[in-house]
Amino acid sequence: MNKRSQEPTQRQLRVGEEIRHALAMIIERGELRDPELASMPITVTEVRASPDLKFATAFVIPLGGSWAGASGSSIVAPLDRAASFLRRRIGELVRLRYVPKLRFEPDRTYDYAQHIDGILQEALAGTSVTDPNADPEPDPKPGPKPGPED
């Protein structure tokens, strides 16, 4: 079995979650002094630790869940600049033998889910009673249907 195709270990998941909580706390407290980040609240949705726990990728999104009005680089670039500060603070908050190097990526799952939802809504709205593949309209009057007159 290929090692890369395996699911993350419990240790990777636990370390990722601890780092996510620490990052969220640092951001919430306003410890980042970057003016680009001051105007936009950030949510850390997930942190994935590498199998050797030397690297961690943090997925971030603007608070509210959508990239509308914000580009991924408008949040990621300032966070990348603050990565060494964040790594040092995580080392103070989380008990780890080795604090992973941080990378930040925009989390696009919310936008993808909205896109899929829009496609499904269009498909549902496109179904009408005149559609030959649609179910026929139910009979408005219950009871026996009139047959051919004898």
N, C-alpha and C. Protein backbone atom coordinates (compact mmCIF):
# COMPACT_ATOMS: atom_id res chain seq x y z
N MET A 1 0.84 -1.18 0.00
CA MET A 1 0.00 0.00 0.00
C MET A 1 0.89 1.24 0.00
N ASN A 2 0.50 2.22 -0.75
CA ASN A 2 1.25 3.46 -0.86
C ASN A 2 1.07 4.29 0.41
N LYS A 3 2.15 4.69 1.02
CA LYS A 3 2.12 5.45 2.27
C LYS A 3 1.42 6.81 2.11
N ARG A 4 1.55 7.42 0.93
CA ARG A 4 0.97 8.74 0.72
C ARG A 4 -0.55 8.71 0.62
N SER A 5 -1.11 7.59 0.28
CA SER A 5 -2.56 7.52 0.12
C SER A 5 -3.27 7.22 1.45
N GLN A 6 -2.51 7.01 2.51
CA GLN A 6 -3.11 6.69 3.79
C GLN A 6 -3.73 7.93 4.43
N GLU A 7 -4.70 7.68 5.26
CA GLU A 7 -5.35 8.74 6.03
C GLU A 7 -4.36 9.30 7.05
N PRO A 8 -4.58 10.54 7.51
CA PRO A 8 -3.70 11.09 8.55
C PRO A 8 -3.82 10.29 9.84
N THR A 9 -2.72 10.22 10.56
CA THR A 9 -2.71 9.49 11.82
C THR A 9 -3.43 10.32 12.89
N GLN A 10 -3.74 9.66 13.99
CA GLN A 10 -4.38 10.37 15.11
C GLN A 10 -3.46 11.47 15.63
N ARG A 11 -2.18 11.22 15.61
CA ARG A 11 -1.22 12.22 16.08
C ARG A 11 -1.23 13.45 15.16
N GLN A 12 -1.22 13.23 13.85
CA GLN A 12 -1.29 14.35 12.90
C GLN A 12 -2.55 15.16 13.12
N LEU A 13 -3.68 14.47 13.28
CA LEU A 13 -4.96 15.16 13.49
C LEU A 13 -4.94 15.97 14.78
N ARG A 14 -4.41 15.37 15.83
CA ARG A 14 -4.38 16.04 17.14
C ARG A 14 -3.47 17.27 17.09
N VAL A 15 -2.28 17.13 16.49
CA VAL A 15 -1.35 18.26 16.39
C VAL A 15 -1.97 19.36 15.53
N GLY A 16 -2.59 18.98 14.41
CA GLY A 16 -3.24 19.96 13.55
C GLY A 16 -4.33 20.73 14.28
N GLU A 17 -5.12 20.03 15.06
CA GLU A 17 -6.21 20.68 15.81
C GLU A 17 -5.65 21.60 16.91
N GLU A 18 -4.59 21.19 17.58
CA GLU A 18 -3.98 22.04 18.59
C GLU A 18 -3.42 23.32 17.96
N ILE A 19 -2.79 23.18 16.81
CA ILE A 19 -2.25 24.35 16.12
C ILE A 19 -3.38 25.25 15.65
N ARG A 20 -4.46 24.66 15.16
CA ARG A 20 -5.61 25.46 14.71
C ARG A 20 -6.17 26.29 15.87
N HIS A 21 -6.32 25.66 17.02
CA HIS A 21 -6.83 26.39 18.20
C HIS A 21 -5.88 27.51 18.61
N ALA A 22 -4.58 27.24 18.58
CA ALA A 22 -3.61 28.26 18.95
C ALA A 22 -3.63 29.42 17.96
N LEU A 23 -3.67 29.12 16.66
CA LEU A 23 -3.74 30.17 15.65
C LEU A 23 -4.99 31.02 15.83
N ALA A 24 -6.12 30.36 16.05
CA ALA A 24 -7.38 31.09 16.23
C ALA A 24 -7.30 32.01 17.44
N MET A 25 -6.68 31.53 18.52
CA MET A 25 -6.56 32.35 19.72
C MET A 25 -5.65 33.56 19.46
N ILE A 26 -4.54 33.35 18.78
CA ILE A 26 -3.61 34.44 18.49
C ILE A 26 -4.29 35.50 17.62
N ILE A 27 -5.00 35.04 16.59
CA ILE A 27 -5.69 35.97 15.69
C ILE A 27 -6.82 36.69 16.42
N GLU A 28 -7.58 35.95 17.23
CA GLU A 28 -8.70 36.54 17.97
C GLU A 28 -8.23 37.62 18.94
N ARG A 29 -7.12 37.39 19.58
CA ARG A 29 -6.58 38.36 20.54
C ARG A 29 -6.03 39.62 19.87
N GLY A 30 -5.88 39.56 18.55
CA GLY A 30 -5.35 40.72 17.83
C GLY A 30 -3.85 40.87 17.97
N GLU A 31 -3.14 39.75 18.15
CA GLU A 31 -1.70 39.82 18.31
C GLU A 31 -0.97 40.13 17.00
N LEU A 32 -1.65 39.93 15.88
CA LEU A 32 -1.05 40.26 14.59
C LEU A 32 -1.24 41.75 14.33
N ARG A 33 -0.17 42.45 14.07
CA ARG A 33 -0.23 43.89 13.91
C ARG A 33 -0.24 44.34 12.45
N ASP A 34 -0.39 43.40 11.54
CA ASP A 34 -0.37 43.74 10.12
C ASP A 34 -1.64 44.51 9.75
N PRO A 35 -1.52 45.71 9.16
CA PRO A 35 -2.71 46.50 8.81
C PRO A 35 -3.60 45.82 7.78
N GLU A 36 -3.03 44.97 6.94
CA GLU A 36 -3.84 44.25 5.95
C GLU A 36 -4.78 43.25 6.62
N LEU A 37 -4.36 42.73 7.76
CA LEU A 37 -5.18 41.75 8.47
C LEU A 37 -6.14 42.40 9.46
N ALA A 38 -5.86 43.64 9.84
CA ALA A 38 -6.68 44.32 10.84
C ALA A 38 -8.10 44.56 10.36
N SER A 39 -8.27 44.77 9.06
CA SER A 39 -9.60 45.10 8.54
C SER A 39 -10.43 43.87 8.20
N MET A 40 -9.84 42.68 8.30
CA MET A 40 -10.57 41.48 7.89
C MET A 40 -10.45 40.38 8.94
N PRO A 41 -11.55 40.03 9.60
CA PRO A 41 -11.51 38.91 10.54
C PRO A 41 -11.27 37.61 9.78
N ILE A 42 -10.49 36.72 10.37
CA ILE A 42 -10.07 35.49 9.70
C ILE A 42 -10.52 34.29 10.51
N THR A 43 -10.93 33.25 9.80
CA THR A 43 -11.25 31.97 10.41
C THR A 43 -10.23 30.94 9.92
N VAL A 44 -9.65 30.20 10.84
CA VAL A 44 -8.76 29.09 10.50
C VAL A 44 -9.64 27.85 10.48
N THR A 45 -9.91 27.32 9.29
CA THR A 45 -10.85 26.21 9.18
C THR A 45 -10.22 24.86 9.45
N GLU A 46 -8.95 24.70 9.08
CA GLU A 46 -8.30 23.40 9.26
C GLU A 46 -6.80 23.60 9.23
N VAL A 47 -6.10 22.73 9.94
CA VAL A 47 -4.64 22.68 9.86
C VAL A 47 -4.27 21.23 9.62
N ARG A 48 -3.51 21.00 8.56
CA ARG A 48 -3.05 19.65 8.22
C ARG A 48 -1.56 19.55 8.49
N ALA A 49 -1.19 18.63 9.33
CA ALA A 49 0.22 18.41 9.66
C ALA A 49 0.78 17.33 8.75
N SER A 50 2.04 17.50 8.35
CA SER A 50 2.69 16.49 7.52
C SER A 50 2.95 15.25 8.37
N PRO A 51 3.19 14.09 7.74
CA PRO A 51 3.41 12.86 8.51
C PRO A 51 4.57 12.96 9.51
N ASP A 52 5.62 13.72 9.17
CA ASP A 52 6.74 13.86 10.10
C ASP A 52 6.56 15.04 11.06
N LEU A 53 5.45 15.74 10.95
CA LEU A 53 5.09 16.87 11.82
C LEU A 53 6.06 18.04 11.71
N LYS A 54 6.79 18.13 10.61
CA LYS A 54 7.73 19.24 10.40
C LYS A 54 7.06 20.42 9.71
N PHE A 55 5.95 20.17 9.01
CA PHE A 55 5.24 21.22 8.28
C PHE A 55 3.75 21.14 8.60
N ALA A 56 3.12 22.29 8.57
CA ALA A 56 1.68 22.35 8.79
C ALA A 56 1.09 23.36 7.82
N THR A 57 0.00 22.97 7.17
CA THR A 57 -0.70 23.86 6.25
C THR A 57 -1.99 24.29 6.92
N ALA A 58 -2.14 25.60 7.08
CA ALA A 58 -3.35 26.16 7.69
C ALA A 58 -4.24 26.71 6.59
N PHE A 59 -5.49 26.27 6.58
CA PHE A 59 -6.47 26.76 5.61
C PHE A 59 -7.27 27.86 6.27
N VAL A 60 -7.29 29.02 5.62
CA VAL A 60 -7.94 30.20 6.19
C VAL A 60 -9.01 30.72 5.26
N ILE A 61 -9.97 31.42 5.86
CA ILE A 61 -11.08 32.00 5.11
C ILE A 61 -11.52 33.25 5.85
N PRO A 62 -12.00 34.27 5.14
CA PRO A 62 -12.53 35.44 5.85
C PRO A 62 -13.73 35.03 6.70
N LEU A 63 -13.91 35.67 7.83
CA LEU A 63 -15.04 35.37 8.69
C LEU A 63 -16.33 35.58 7.91
N GLY A 64 -17.21 34.64 7.97
CA GLY A 64 -18.44 34.70 7.20
C GLY A 64 -18.43 33.65 6.11
N GLY A 65 -17.25 33.15 5.77
CA GLY A 65 -17.19 31.98 4.92
C GLY A 65 -17.07 32.18 3.44
N SER A 66 -16.93 33.36 2.92
CA SER A 66 -16.86 33.50 1.47
C SER A 66 -15.71 34.42 1.08
N TRP A 67 -15.15 34.17 -0.09
CA TRP A 67 -14.08 34.99 -0.61
C TRP A 67 -14.62 36.16 -1.41
N ALA A 68 -15.93 36.37 -1.44
CA ALA A 68 -16.51 37.50 -2.17
C ALA A 68 -15.94 38.79 -1.60
N GLY A 69 -15.35 39.59 -2.46
CA GLY A 69 -14.76 40.85 -2.03
C GLY A 69 -13.36 40.70 -1.48
N ALA A 70 -12.85 39.49 -1.39
CA ALA A 70 -11.50 39.28 -0.89
C ALA A 70 -10.82 38.23 -1.77
N SER A 71 -9.57 38.46 -2.05
CA SER A 71 -8.83 37.45 -2.79
C SER A 71 -8.05 36.61 -1.79
N GLY A 72 -7.73 35.41 -2.17
CA GLY A 72 -6.99 34.53 -1.29
C GLY A 72 -5.65 35.11 -0.91
N SER A 73 -5.00 35.81 -1.85
CA SER A 73 -3.68 36.37 -1.56
C SER A 73 -3.76 37.55 -0.60
N SER A 74 -4.92 38.21 -0.49
CA SER A 74 -5.03 39.35 0.42
C SER A 74 -4.95 38.92 1.88
N ILE A 75 -5.22 37.67 2.15
CA ILE A 75 -5.10 37.15 3.51
C ILE A 75 -3.85 36.30 3.65
N VAL A 76 -3.56 35.50 2.67
CA VAL A 76 -2.46 34.55 2.75
C VAL A 76 -1.11 35.25 2.79
N ALA A 77 -0.90 36.26 1.98
CA ALA A 77 0.41 36.94 1.95
C ALA A 77 0.79 37.54 3.30
N PRO A 78 -0.11 38.29 3.97
CA PRO A 78 0.26 38.82 5.29
C PRO A 78 0.47 37.71 6.34
N LEU A 79 -0.30 36.64 6.24
CA LEU A 79 -0.12 35.53 7.18
C LEU A 79 1.22 34.84 6.93
N ASP A 80 1.60 34.70 5.66
CA ASP A 80 2.91 34.11 5.36
C ASP A 80 4.03 34.99 5.92
N ARG A 81 3.86 36.31 5.85
CA ARG A 81 4.87 37.22 6.41
C ARG A 81 4.96 37.07 7.93
N ALA A 82 3.85 36.76 8.55
CA ALA A 82 3.80 36.62 10.02
C ALA A 82 4.06 35.19 10.48
N ALA A 83 4.41 34.30 9.57
CA ALA A 83 4.54 32.87 9.91
C ALA A 83 5.57 32.62 11.01
N SER A 84 6.71 33.31 10.99
CA SER A 84 7.73 33.07 12.02
C SER A 84 7.23 33.53 13.39
N PHE A 85 6.54 34.69 13.44
CA PHE A 85 5.95 35.14 14.69
C PHE A 85 4.91 34.14 15.19
N LEU A 86 4.04 33.68 14.29
CA LEU A 86 3.00 32.73 14.65
C LEU A 86 3.61 31.41 15.13
N ARG A 87 4.66 30.98 14.48
CA ARG A 87 5.32 29.73 14.87
C ARG A 87 5.89 29.86 16.29
N ARG A 88 6.51 31.00 16.59
CA ARG A 88 7.07 31.22 17.92
C ARG A 88 5.95 31.23 18.97
N ARG A 89 4.83 31.91 18.67
CA ARG A 89 3.70 31.97 19.62
C ARG A 89 3.07 30.59 19.81
N ILE A 90 2.98 29.81 18.74
CA ILE A 90 2.44 28.45 18.86
C ILE A 90 3.34 27.62 19.77
N GLY A 91 4.65 27.81 19.63
CA GLY A 91 5.60 27.10 20.50
C GLY A 91 5.40 27.44 21.96
N GLU A 92 4.96 28.66 22.25
CA GLU A 92 4.70 29.07 23.63
C GLU A 92 3.37 28.52 24.14
N LEU A 93 2.41 28.33 23.24
CA LEU A 93 1.06 27.92 23.63
C LEU A 93 0.83 26.41 23.60
N VAL A 94 1.50 25.73 22.68
CA VAL A 94 1.28 24.30 22.49
C VAL A 94 2.56 23.55 22.83
N ARG A 95 2.42 22.51 23.61
CA ARG A 95 3.59 21.74 24.01
C ARG A 95 3.93 20.72 22.92
N LEU A 96 4.94 21.06 22.15
CA LEU A 96 5.41 20.19 21.07
C LEU A 96 6.93 20.11 21.13
N ARG A 97 7.46 18.97 20.75
CA ARG A 97 8.91 18.83 20.69
C ARG A 97 9.47 19.72 19.58
N TYR A 98 8.76 19.76 18.46
CA TYR A 98 9.18 20.54 17.31
C TYR A 98 7.95 21.26 16.78
N VAL A 99 8.04 22.58 16.66
CA VAL A 99 6.91 23.36 16.13
C VAL A 99 7.02 23.35 14.61
N PRO A 100 5.99 22.90 13.92
CA PRO A 100 6.06 22.80 12.45
C PRO A 100 6.18 24.17 11.78
N LYS A 101 6.81 24.17 10.62
CA LYS A 101 6.84 25.37 9.79
C LYS A 101 5.45 25.55 9.21
N LEU A 102 4.98 26.79 9.19
CA LEU A 102 3.60 27.08 8.79
C LEU A 102 3.52 27.53 7.34
N ARG A 103 2.50 27.05 6.68
CA ARG A 103 2.11 27.52 5.36
C ARG A 103 0.64 27.85 5.42
N PHE A 104 0.23 28.85 4.68
CA PHE A 104 -1.18 29.24 4.67
C PHE A 104 -1.73 29.11 3.27
N GLU A 105 -2.96 28.63 3.18
CA GLU A 105 -3.65 28.50 1.90
C GLU A 105 -5.09 28.94 2.08
N PRO A 106 -5.67 29.57 1.05
CA PRO A 106 -7.09 29.93 1.14
C PRO A 106 -7.95 28.67 1.09
N ASP A 107 -8.95 28.62 1.93
CA ASP A 107 -9.88 27.49 1.96
C ASP A 107 -11.04 27.82 1.03
N ARG A 108 -11.14 27.10 -0.05
CA ARG A 108 -12.17 27.35 -1.06
C ARG A 108 -13.35 26.38 -0.96
N THR A 109 -13.41 25.57 0.09
CA THR A 109 -14.49 24.59 0.17
C THR A 109 -15.86 25.24 0.29
N TYR A 110 -15.95 26.36 1.00
CA TYR A 110 -17.24 27.04 1.15
C TYR A 110 -17.74 27.55 -0.20
N ASP A 111 -16.83 28.17 -0.98
CA ASP A 111 -17.21 28.66 -2.31
C ASP A 111 -17.59 27.50 -3.23
N TYR A 112 -16.87 26.40 -3.11
CA TYR A 112 -17.17 25.22 -3.93
C TYR A 112 -18.55 24.66 -3.56
N ALA A 113 -18.84 24.62 -2.27
CA ALA A 113 -20.15 24.13 -1.82
C ALA A 113 -21.27 25.04 -2.32
N GLN A 114 -21.04 26.36 -2.30
CA GLN A 114 -22.05 27.29 -2.83
C GLN A 114 -22.24 27.09 -4.33
N HIS A 115 -21.16 26.83 -5.03
CA HIS A 115 -21.23 26.59 -6.48
C HIS A 115 -22.07 25.34 -6.77
N ILE A 116 -21.80 24.27 -6.05
CA ILE A 116 -22.57 23.03 -6.23
C ILE A 116 -24.03 23.25 -5.87
N ASP A 117 -24.28 24.00 -4.79
CA ASP A 117 -25.65 24.30 -4.39
C ASP A 117 -26.37 25.08 -5.49
N GLY A 118 -25.68 26.04 -6.09
CA GLY A 118 -26.27 26.81 -7.19
C GLY A 118 -26.63 25.93 -8.37
N ILE A 119 -25.75 25.00 -8.71
CA ILE A 119 -26.02 24.07 -9.81
C ILE A 119 -27.25 23.22 -9.50
N LEU A 120 -27.33 22.73 -8.27
CA LEU A 120 -28.48 21.91 -7.87
C LEU A 120 -29.77 22.73 -7.89
N GLN A 121 -29.69 23.97 -7.42
CA GLN A 121 -30.89 24.82 -7.44
C GLN A 121 -31.35 25.10 -8.86
N GLU A 122 -30.39 25.33 -9.77
CA GLU A 122 -30.74 25.53 -11.18
C GLU A 122 -31.39 24.28 -11.76
N ALA A 123 -30.85 23.13 -11.42
CA ALA A 123 -31.41 21.88 -11.93
C ALA A 123 -32.83 21.67 -11.41
N LEU A 124 -33.05 21.99 -10.14
CA LEU A 124 -34.39 21.84 -9.58
C LEU A 124 -35.36 22.86 -10.17
N ALA A 125 -34.89 24.08 -10.39
CA ALA A 125 -35.75 25.12 -10.96
C ALA A 125 -36.05 24.83 -12.42
N GLY A 126 -35.15 24.13 -13.11
CA GLY A 126 -35.34 23.81 -14.52
C GLY A 126 -36.36 22.70 -14.74
N THR A 127 -36.69 21.95 -13.74
CA THR A 127 -37.68 20.88 -13.87
C THR A 127 -39.07 21.50 -13.80
N SER A 128 -39.88 21.25 -14.81
CA SER A 128 -41.24 21.80 -14.82
C SER A 128 -42.21 20.71 -15.24
N VAL A 129 -43.52 21.00 -15.12
CA VAL A 129 -44.53 20.01 -15.47
C VAL A 129 -44.61 19.79 -16.98
N THR A 130 -44.11 20.72 -17.76
CA THR A 130 -44.13 20.53 -19.21
C THR A 130 -42.96 19.67 -19.67
N ASP A 131 -42.07 19.39 -18.75
CA ASP A 131 -40.93 18.54 -19.08
C ASP A 131 -41.44 17.12 -19.31
N PRO A 132 -41.14 16.50 -20.45
CA PRO A 132 -41.64 15.16 -20.71
C PRO A 132 -41.08 14.12 -19.74
N ASN A 133 -39.95 14.40 -19.13
CA ASN A 133 -39.36 13.45 -18.18
C ASN A 133 -39.86 13.67 -16.76
N ALA A 134 -40.61 14.73 -16.54
CA ALA A 134 -41.09 15.03 -15.19
C ALA A 134 -42.29 14.14 -14.87
N ASP A 135 -42.53 13.98 -13.57
CA ASP A 135 -43.70 13.21 -13.13
C ASP A 135 -44.96 13.96 -13.53
N PRO A 136 -46.01 13.25 -13.98
CA PRO A 136 -47.24 13.94 -14.34
C PRO A 136 -47.90 14.57 -13.12
N GLU A 137 -48.70 15.60 -13.38
CA GLU A 137 -49.38 16.31 -12.32
C GLU A 137 -50.45 15.40 -11.70
N PRO A 138 -50.59 15.40 -10.38
CA PRO A 138 -51.62 14.54 -9.76
C PRO A 138 -53.02 15.03 -10.12
N ASP A 139 -53.96 14.10 -10.12
CA ASP A 139 -55.35 14.41 -10.44
C ASP A 139 -55.92 15.27 -9.31
N PRO A 140 -56.52 16.44 -9.63
CA PRO A 140 -57.00 17.33 -8.58
C PRO A 140 -58.17 16.76 -7.79
N LYS A 141 -59.01 15.89 -8.39
CA LYS A 141 -60.16 15.33 -7.69
C LYS A 141 -59.89 13.89 -7.33
N PRO A 142 -60.00 13.57 -6.05
CA PRO A 142 -59.83 12.18 -5.68
C PRO A 142 -61.08 11.40 -6.07
N GLY A 143 -60.92 10.13 -6.22
CA GLY A 143 -62.06 9.29 -6.55
C GLY A 143 -61.84 8.60 -7.87
N PRO A 144 -62.90 7.89 -8.34
CA PRO A 144 -62.75 7.14 -9.60
C PRO A 144 -62.61 8.10 -10.78
N LYS A 145 -61.78 7.69 -11.71
CA LYS A 145 -61.58 8.50 -12.91
C LYS A 145 -62.69 8.16 -13.90
N PRO A 146 -63.15 9.17 -14.60
CA PRO A 146 -64.18 8.89 -15.60
C PRO A 146 -63.62 8.05 -16.74
N GLY A 147 -64.34 7.03 -17.10
CA GLY A 147 -63.92 6.14 -18.19
C GLY A 147 -64.68 6.48 -19.47
N PRO A 148 -64.46 5.73 -20.52
CA PRO A 148 -65.20 5.96 -21.75
C PRO A 148 -66.70 5.70 -21.53
N GLU A 149 -67.47 6.55 -22.09
CA GLU A 149 -68.92 6.40 -21.91
C GLU A 149 -69.41 5.19 -22.67
N ASP A 150 -70.33 4.46 -22.06
CA ASP A 150 -70.89 3.25 -22.66
C ASP A 150 -72.11 3.59 -23.45
